[in-house]
Amino acid sequence: EEQQRLEARMGELSALLGDRAAVLAQISEDLEALAKAFGEGRRTDLADEAAELSVRDLIPNTQSIVTLSDRGYIKRMPAADFATQNRGTKGRIGMDSSPRGDELSQVMQVFAHDNLLVFCTSGKVYRLAAHEVPVANRSRQGTPLPRLLPGLGGSSVTAVLPVPASEGRGKAGGQHLVMATRLGVLKRCEARHFAAMNSAGIRAIALAEGDLLGWVQGAEEGDGIVLATSNGMVIHVPVTAASLRPMGRTARGVAGIALPEQDMVVGMAVVQQADRDASQGPWLLFITEDGMGKCVELSQFPAQRRGGQGRFGLKLGKGDALTAAHLVTSRDAEVIVATAKGIVNRCKLADIPVQQRPSKGVRVIKLTDGDTVQSAAVLDLSE
């Protein structure tokens, strides 16, 4: 009986294999049964358009350190290349400056998906994708900026502002940008004016004769602006419509701080409203040419009307001058200090003490003869 069943089944299958139409019908029936048992709605959409992918979409959004030299050489290095060291040490080489006598002018923290707004001392601005900055090791000088931005020509770059590609980190993602010049002029401008530009760049600010554009940061109504000068004077100006109203892209700006002869602005910081109301901090970090540094609570610099002389921020030694002033909201941050001879030192901000305004500070980096601190940057480890 079992043999008869098997022979009958073999006959049915042989007949099925001999009939193409029957095979297709059987396959269709089996697929319908599987779809009924295990099928679910489509999770993707089919479209005739091809997906548009940019180079940025294929690049990991990793953290990097970008350095800029006085002669306009720029390069990008992984943040891990600079291991944390103790304050007072000699640091590591961050750029080969000796062959051409070049010096570091700016060091900043960026992400690969950021855009860089390149501001010139002449008041013009250009845009460059961060991932387009070539990666180089610490001993290389980098790539000339005019090679990456042909429209730059011989203009001198004074500030490079990282603009996050997505909201959230927000240091430059506000609706307004505040600019400060070396002669103490402040200007508030809507960020939308810089949303689109061609390779020739656009005018960011109109400058008086002898003045230079120095700093640009994002700021909003209710924030504060801190200006620091080479003589150690500090002024804290509130960002309000009455004191610092938004202006057109080509406007000149208003007086931020009164400067005596031979003095100039060396640092600008934006204090967000939440930080101004904090019970502890924020702090102002001061770094001098001789490698001295300290932190001072912002509360020691109450807000005042723009155009004043400000208050003393630190005691300067003979022949010393303030090089950089940064606002820090967390003592867990780290500081990168770069010297004129290309030496870079990275240390913990917690190793730099909080002191009163009249104090001199502590040594942050040990300098060789003839070397001076050229710039300093703060790395926020919470990002």
Protein backbone atom coordinates (compact mmCIF):
# COMPACT_ATOMS: atom_id res chain seq x y z
CA GLU A 1 0.00 0.00 0.00
CA GLU A 2 2.85 2.42 0.85
CA GLN A 3 4.58 1.49 -2.40
CA GLN A 4 1.45 2.32 -4.34
CA ARG A 5 1.23 5.75 -2.64
CA LEU A 6 4.86 6.52 -3.43
CA GLU A 7 4.49 5.41 -7.06
CA ALA A 8 1.39 7.58 -7.41
CA ARG A 9 3.20 10.57 -5.90
CA MET A 10 6.19 10.04 -8.16
CA GLY A 11 3.84 10.00 -11.14
CA GLU A 12 2.27 13.32 -10.08
CA LEU A 13 5.65 14.97 -9.62
CA SER A 14 6.96 13.62 -12.92
CA ALA A 15 3.88 14.99 -14.68
CA LEU A 16 4.38 18.36 -12.90
CA LEU A 17 8.01 18.60 -14.00
CA GLY A 18 7.00 17.86 -17.54
CA ASP A 19 4.51 20.74 -17.67
CA ARG A 20 6.09 24.24 -17.41
CA ALA A 21 2.77 25.96 -16.87
CA ALA A 22 1.98 23.60 -13.98
CA VAL A 23 5.40 24.32 -12.38
CA LEU A 24 4.82 28.07 -12.52
CA ALA A 25 1.33 27.70 -11.10
CA GLN A 26 2.68 25.61 -8.20
CA ILE A 27 5.41 28.18 -7.47
CA SER A 28 2.85 30.99 -7.48
CA GLU A 29 0.63 29.05 -5.10
CA ASP A 30 3.52 28.40 -2.70
CA LEU A 31 4.61 32.05 -2.71
CA GLU A 32 1.08 33.23 -1.98
CA ALA A 33 0.94 30.85 0.97
CA LEU A 34 4.26 32.15 2.32
CA ALA A 35 3.18 35.78 1.89
CA LYS A 36 -0.07 35.08 3.72
CA ALA A 37 1.73 33.36 6.58
CA PHE A 38 4.75 35.63 7.03
CA GLY A 39 4.20 38.76 4.94
CA GLU A 40 4.17 42.35 6.31
CA GLY A 41 3.95 45.84 4.87
CA ARG A 42 6.88 47.31 2.89
CA ARG A 43 9.27 49.27 5.05
CA THR A 44 10.90 51.24 2.23
CA ASP A 45 9.62 53.44 -0.56
CA LEU A 46 10.56 52.86 -4.15
CA ALA A 47 11.11 55.99 -6.22
CA ASP A 48 12.37 56.79 -9.68
CA GLU A 49 14.81 59.45 -8.35
CA ALA A 50 18.38 58.54 -7.57
CA ALA A 51 19.49 59.33 -4.00
CA GLU A 52 21.80 62.35 -3.82
CA LEU A 53 24.82 61.65 -1.62
CA SER A 54 27.50 64.23 -0.94
CA VAL A 55 31.06 63.54 0.09
CA ARG A 56 30.13 64.70 3.61
CA ASP A 57 27.56 61.89 3.92
CA LEU A 58 30.32 59.31 3.47
CA ILE A 59 32.74 60.80 6.02
CA PRO A 60 32.58 59.92 9.76
CA ASN A 61 31.88 63.00 11.89
CA THR A 62 35.07 62.68 13.91
CA GLN A 63 36.64 65.32 16.15
CA SER A 64 39.78 67.06 14.92
CA ILE A 65 42.15 69.88 15.74
CA VAL A 66 42.61 72.52 13.03
CA THR A 67 45.59 74.85 13.17
CA LEU A 68 46.19 78.02 11.17
CA SER A 69 49.54 79.78 10.80
CA ASP A 70 50.33 83.46 10.34
CA ARG A 71 51.15 82.85 6.69
CA GLY A 72 47.82 81.14 6.03
CA TYR A 73 48.84 77.47 6.24
CA ILE A 74 45.99 75.30 7.52
CA LYS A 75 45.86 71.63 8.46
CA ARG A 76 43.65 69.13 10.29
CA MET A 77 44.88 66.63 12.88
CA PRO A 78 43.07 63.97 14.96
CA ALA A 79 42.44 65.21 18.50
CA ALA A 80 44.06 62.02 19.81
CA ASP A 81 47.44 63.20 18.45
CA PHE A 82 47.73 65.49 21.49
CA ALA A 83 47.62 63.41 24.65
CA THR A 84 46.81 65.28 27.85
CA GLN A 85 49.91 66.52 29.72
CA ASN A 86 50.54 68.28 33.00
CA ARG A 87 50.70 72.06 33.05
CA GLY A 88 54.18 73.56 33.04
CA THR A 89 55.59 70.96 30.63
CA LYS A 90 57.24 71.77 27.30
CA GLY A 91 54.46 70.31 25.15
CA ARG A 92 54.69 68.71 21.70
CA ILE A 93 55.49 70.02 18.25
CA GLY A 94 52.24 71.08 16.57
CA MET A 95 53.71 72.60 13.38
CA ASP A 96 57.08 72.70 11.68
CA SER A 97 57.73 76.46 11.81
CA SER A 98 61.49 76.62 11.45
CA PRO A 99 61.92 76.12 7.66
CA ARG A 100 59.95 79.24 6.71
CA GLY A 101 59.87 81.18 9.98
CA ASP A 102 56.07 80.75 10.14
CA GLU A 103 54.13 80.96 13.41
CA LEU A 104 50.86 79.49 14.70
CA SER A 105 48.03 81.99 14.96
CA GLN A 106 44.95 79.89 15.75
CA VAL A 107 44.06 76.41 16.97
CA MET A 108 40.46 75.18 17.19
CA GLN A 109 38.30 72.14 17.80
CA VAL A 110 36.12 71.03 14.85
CA PHE A 111 34.11 68.08 13.57
CA ALA A 112 34.43 66.68 10.05
CA HIS A 113 30.85 67.70 9.10
CA ASP A 114 31.29 71.32 10.22
CA ASN A 115 31.64 74.26 7.88
CA LEU A 116 34.40 76.79 8.46
CA LEU A 117 33.61 80.47 7.97
CA VAL A 118 36.95 82.05 7.12
CA PHE A 119 36.98 85.73 8.14
CA CYS A 120 39.72 88.05 6.95
CA THR A 121 41.18 91.13 8.58
CA SER A 122 39.77 93.08 5.64
CA GLY A 123 36.21 92.26 6.76
CA LYS A 124 35.37 89.66 4.09
CA VAL A 125 34.24 86.10 4.80
CA TYR A 126 34.60 82.81 2.88
CA ARG A 127 33.19 79.34 3.51
CA LEU A 128 35.09 76.02 3.58
CA ALA A 129 33.96 72.50 4.56
CA ALA A 130 36.02 71.15 7.49
CA HIS A 131 36.59 67.80 5.78
CA GLU A 132 38.15 69.63 2.83
CA VAL A 133 41.05 70.72 5.05
CA PRO A 134 43.80 68.16 4.34
CA VAL A 135 44.88 65.92 7.23
CA ALA A 136 48.57 66.27 8.15
CA ASN A 137 50.77 65.10 10.99
CA ARG A 138 52.05 67.37 13.74
CA SER A 139 55.40 68.12 12.10
CA ARG A 140 53.97 69.26 8.74
CA GLN A 141 53.19 72.90 8.05
CA GLY A 142 49.90 72.34 6.26
CA THR A 143 48.24 73.58 3.07
CA PRO A 144 48.07 77.24 1.96
CA LEU A 145 44.50 78.50 2.38
CA PRO A 146 44.47 80.19 -1.07
CA ARG A 147 44.87 76.70 -2.56
CA LEU A 148 41.60 75.64 -0.87
CA LEU A 149 39.88 79.03 -1.34
CA PRO A 150 41.09 80.53 -4.65
CA GLY A 151 39.07 83.70 -4.07
CA LEU A 152 41.04 84.44 -0.90
CA GLY A 153 44.04 85.72 -2.83
CA GLY A 154 46.54 87.51 -0.60
CA SER A 155 44.07 88.45 2.15
CA SER A 156 45.16 87.79 5.75
CA VAL A 157 42.94 85.39 7.70
CA THR A 158 42.10 86.56 11.20
CA ALA A 159 39.35 84.19 12.39
CA VAL A 160 38.03 80.79 11.37
CA LEU A 161 34.62 80.03 12.87
CA PRO A 162 33.42 76.40 12.99
CA VAL A 163 29.70 76.24 12.22
CA PRO A 164 28.06 72.93 13.23
CA ALA A 165 26.33 71.15 10.35
CA SER A 166 23.55 70.12 12.76
CA GLU A 167 21.96 71.89 15.69
CA GLY A 168 22.83 70.85 19.20
CA ARG A 169 26.44 71.88 19.74
CA GLY A 170 25.32 75.41 18.84
CA LYS A 171 28.48 77.46 19.50
CA ALA A 172 27.97 79.21 16.21
CA GLY A 173 24.48 77.99 15.52
CA GLY A 174 22.60 81.03 16.85
CA GLN A 175 20.57 83.43 14.74
CA HIS A 176 23.08 86.26 15.19
CA LEU A 177 26.83 86.65 14.94
CA VAL A 178 28.79 89.17 16.98
CA MET A 179 32.03 90.56 15.55
CA ALA A 180 34.78 92.38 17.39
CA THR A 181 37.68 94.35 15.92
CA ARG A 182 41.16 95.02 17.25
CA LEU A 183 40.19 98.62 18.03
CA GLY A 184 37.24 97.58 20.20
CA VAL A 185 34.33 97.88 17.74
CA LEU A 186 31.38 95.50 18.20
CA LYS A 187 28.83 94.51 15.59
CA ARG A 188 25.78 92.23 15.78
CA CYS A 189 24.59 90.72 12.49
CA GLU A 190 22.04 88.09 11.51
CA ALA A 191 23.64 84.75 10.64
CA ARG A 192 21.35 84.30 7.63
CA HIS A 193 23.47 86.86 5.77
CA PHE A 194 26.21 84.20 5.56
CA ALA A 195 24.03 81.23 4.60
CA ALA A 196 25.08 81.34 0.94
CA MET A 197 28.15 82.70 -0.76
CA ASN A 198 30.27 82.00 -3.79
CA SER A 199 34.00 81.43 -4.02
CA ALA A 200 34.62 85.19 -4.12
CA GLY A 201 33.28 85.60 -0.56
CA ILE A 202 31.13 88.44 0.79
CA ARG A 203 31.62 91.55 2.93
CA ALA A 204 31.04 90.87 6.66
CA ILE A 205 31.80 94.28 8.19
CA ALA A 206 32.91 97.76 7.10
CA LEU A 207 36.10 98.74 8.90
CA ALA A 208 37.54 102.12 9.83
CA GLU A 209 41.01 102.97 8.56
CA GLY A 210 43.66 101.10 10.54
CA ASP A 211 41.19 98.66 12.13
CA LEU A 212 41.11 94.88 11.65
CA LEU A 213 38.42 92.25 12.18
CA GLY A 214 39.45 89.91 14.99
CA TRP A 215 36.65 87.66 16.32
CA VAL A 216 33.24 86.32 15.34
CA GLN A 217 30.89 84.22 17.52
CA GLY A 218 27.20 83.37 17.77
CA ALA A 219 25.10 85.34 20.29
CA GLU A 220 21.46 85.95 21.13
CA GLU A 221 19.35 88.50 22.99
CA GLY A 222 20.12 88.28 26.71
CA ASP A 223 23.66 86.97 26.26
CA GLY A 224 26.77 88.95 27.18
CA ILE A 225 29.94 89.92 25.32
CA VAL A 226 33.32 89.97 27.07
CA LEU A 227 36.24 91.88 25.54
CA ALA A 228 39.79 91.61 26.89
CA THR A 229 42.74 93.81 25.90
CA SER A 230 46.49 93.26 25.83
CA ASN A 231 46.83 95.50 28.91
CA GLY A 232 44.62 93.10 30.87
CA MET A 233 41.44 95.21 30.83
CA VAL A 234 38.09 93.40 30.60
CA ILE A 235 34.59 94.69 29.82
CA HIS A 236 31.32 92.75 30.01
CA VAL A 237 28.60 94.15 27.71
CA PRO A 238 25.01 92.79 27.65
CA VAL A 239 23.51 91.80 24.30
CA THR A 240 20.27 93.76 24.11
CA ALA A 241 18.46 95.66 21.41
CA ALA A 242 19.30 98.88 23.23
CA SER A 243 23.04 98.32 23.61
CA LEU A 244 23.85 96.13 20.60
CA ARG A 245 21.12 96.12 17.98
CA PRO A 246 21.36 93.93 14.84
CA MET A 247 22.93 95.71 11.87
CA GLY A 248 23.26 95.14 8.15
CA ARG A 249 26.02 93.00 6.73
CA THR A 250 28.11 95.96 5.52
CA ALA A 251 27.60 98.20 8.58
CA ARG A 252 30.59 99.36 10.65
CA GLY A 253 29.41 98.61 14.21
CA VAL A 254 29.55 100.49 17.52
CA ALA A 255 32.19 101.14 20.20
CA GLY A 256 32.59 98.19 22.57
CA ILE A 257 35.49 99.28 24.79
CA ALA A 258 37.54 102.47 25.09
CA LEU A 259 41.22 101.79 24.36
CA PRO A 260 44.25 103.90 25.33
CA GLU A 261 47.16 104.25 22.93
CA GLN A 262 49.21 101.09 22.27
CA ASP A 263 46.39 98.88 23.61
CA MET A 264 44.22 96.54 21.53
CA VAL A 265 41.63 93.81 21.95
CA VAL A 266 43.13 90.30 22.22
CA GLY A 267 40.06 88.24 23.07
CA MET A 268 36.29 88.12 22.78
CA ALA A 269 33.87 85.68 24.42
CA VAL A 270 30.09 85.25 24.34
CA VAL A 271 28.37 84.52 27.67
CA GLN A 272 25.07 82.71 27.17
CA GLN A 273 22.19 83.88 29.34
CA ALA A 274 21.97 80.55 31.21
CA ASP A 275 25.66 80.80 32.12
CA ARG A 276 25.26 84.39 33.30
CA ASP A 277 22.62 83.21 35.79
CA ALA A 278 24.58 80.13 36.98
CA SER A 279 25.32 79.81 40.71
CA GLN A 280 28.88 78.61 40.03
CA GLY A 281 31.00 79.77 37.13
CA PRO A 282 31.49 80.49 34.35
CA TRP A 283 35.12 81.55 34.42
CA LEU A 284 37.42 83.64 32.24
CA LEU A 285 40.67 81.91 31.32
CA PHE A 286 43.61 84.27 30.78
CA ILE A 287 46.85 83.22 29.01
CA THR A 288 49.75 85.68 28.67
CA GLU A 289 52.66 85.91 26.25
CA ASP A 290 55.07 84.65 28.94
CA GLY A 291 53.04 81.45 29.42
CA MET A 292 51.23 82.49 32.61
CA GLY A 293 47.57 81.67 33.11
CA LYS A 294 44.70 81.74 35.56
CA CYS A 295 40.90 81.56 35.80
CA VAL A 296 38.69 84.30 37.24
CA GLU A 297 34.99 84.01 37.96
CA LEU A 298 32.90 86.05 35.54
CA SER A 299 30.96 87.47 38.50
CA GLN A 300 34.00 89.68 39.17
CA PHE A 301 33.20 91.46 35.90
CA PRO A 302 29.60 92.72 36.20
CA ALA A 303 27.82 93.85 33.04
CA GLN A 304 28.22 97.51 32.15
CA ARG A 305 27.45 99.87 29.31
CA ARG A 306 29.50 99.41 26.19
CA GLY A 307 32.17 101.98 25.40
CA GLY A 308 33.69 102.03 28.90
CA GLN A 309 37.27 101.18 29.90
CA GLY A 310 36.36 97.99 31.77
CA ARG A 311 38.16 96.47 34.79
CA PHE A 312 41.60 94.98 35.36
CA GLY A 313 41.52 91.22 34.77
CA LEU A 314 45.01 90.22 35.90
CA LYS A 315 48.37 91.52 37.05
CA LEU A 316 50.93 91.49 34.24
CA GLY A 317 54.66 91.09 34.76
CA LYS A 318 57.15 93.52 33.26
CA GLY A 319 57.09 93.22 29.47
CA ASP A 320 54.26 90.70 29.57
CA ALA A 321 50.92 91.11 27.77
CA LEU A 322 47.66 89.22 27.59
CA THR A 323 47.55 86.88 24.58
CA ALA A 324 44.16 85.17 24.88
CA ALA A 325 41.03 85.23 27.00
CA HIS A 326 38.43 82.43 26.84
CA LEU A 327 35.13 81.81 28.59
CA VAL A 328 34.87 78.34 30.16
CA THR A 329 31.71 76.87 31.68
CA SER A 330 33.20 73.62 33.00
CA ARG A 331 36.39 72.91 34.92
CA ASP A 332 36.53 69.52 33.16
CA ALA A 333 37.69 71.16 29.92
CA GLU A 334 41.22 71.07 28.54
CA VAL A 335 43.45 73.83 27.17
CA ILE A 336 45.71 73.77 24.12
CA VAL A 337 48.43 76.44 24.14
CA ALA A 338 50.47 77.14 20.99
CA THR A 339 53.69 79.15 20.86
CA ALA A 340 55.28 81.24 18.13
CA LYS A 341 57.89 78.53 17.50
CA GLY A 342 55.24 75.89 16.85
CA ILE A 343 55.23 74.16 20.26
CA VAL A 344 51.80 72.94 21.40
CA ASN A 345 50.93 71.95 24.97
CA ARG A 346 47.65 70.38 26.10
CA CYS A 347 46.79 70.45 29.80
CA LYS A 348 43.78 70.10 32.08
CA LEU A 349 41.91 73.28 32.88
CA ALA A 350 41.52 72.01 36.46
CA ASP A 351 45.31 72.40 36.84
CA ILE A 352 44.99 76.15 36.24
CA PRO A 353 43.72 77.66 39.52
CA VAL A 354 40.84 80.06 40.03
CA GLN A 355 42.23 83.32 41.40
CA GLN A 356 41.16 86.90 42.08
CA ARG A 357 41.54 89.71 39.55
CA PRO A 358 44.76 91.26 40.98
CA SER A 359 46.74 87.97 40.94
CA LYS A 360 49.40 87.05 38.37
CA GLY A 361 48.50 83.41 37.70
CA VAL A 362 50.65 80.27 37.35
CA ARG A 363 52.94 78.94 34.63
CA VAL A 364 50.97 77.03 31.99
CA ILE A 365 53.79 76.26 29.55
CA LYS A 366 57.58 76.40 29.88
CA LEU A 367 59.02 78.58 27.11
CA THR A 368 62.44 78.56 25.54
CA ASP A 369 64.42 81.76 25.02
CA GLY A 370 62.76 84.06 22.49
CA ASP A 371 59.51 82.06 22.36
CA THR A 372 56.10 83.48 23.30
CA VAL A 373 52.57 82.15 23.52
CA GLN A 374 50.75 82.89 20.29
CA SER A 375 47.27 81.43 20.86
CA ALA A 376 45.22 79.21 23.15
CA ALA A 377 42.09 77.13 22.64
CA VAL A 378 39.71 75.35 25.03
CA LEU A 379 38.49 71.80 24.36
CA ASP A 380 35.08 71.07 25.84
CA LEU A 381 35.20 67.37 26.82
CA SER A 382 31.40 67.24 27.19
CA GLU A 383 30.94 67.51 23.40
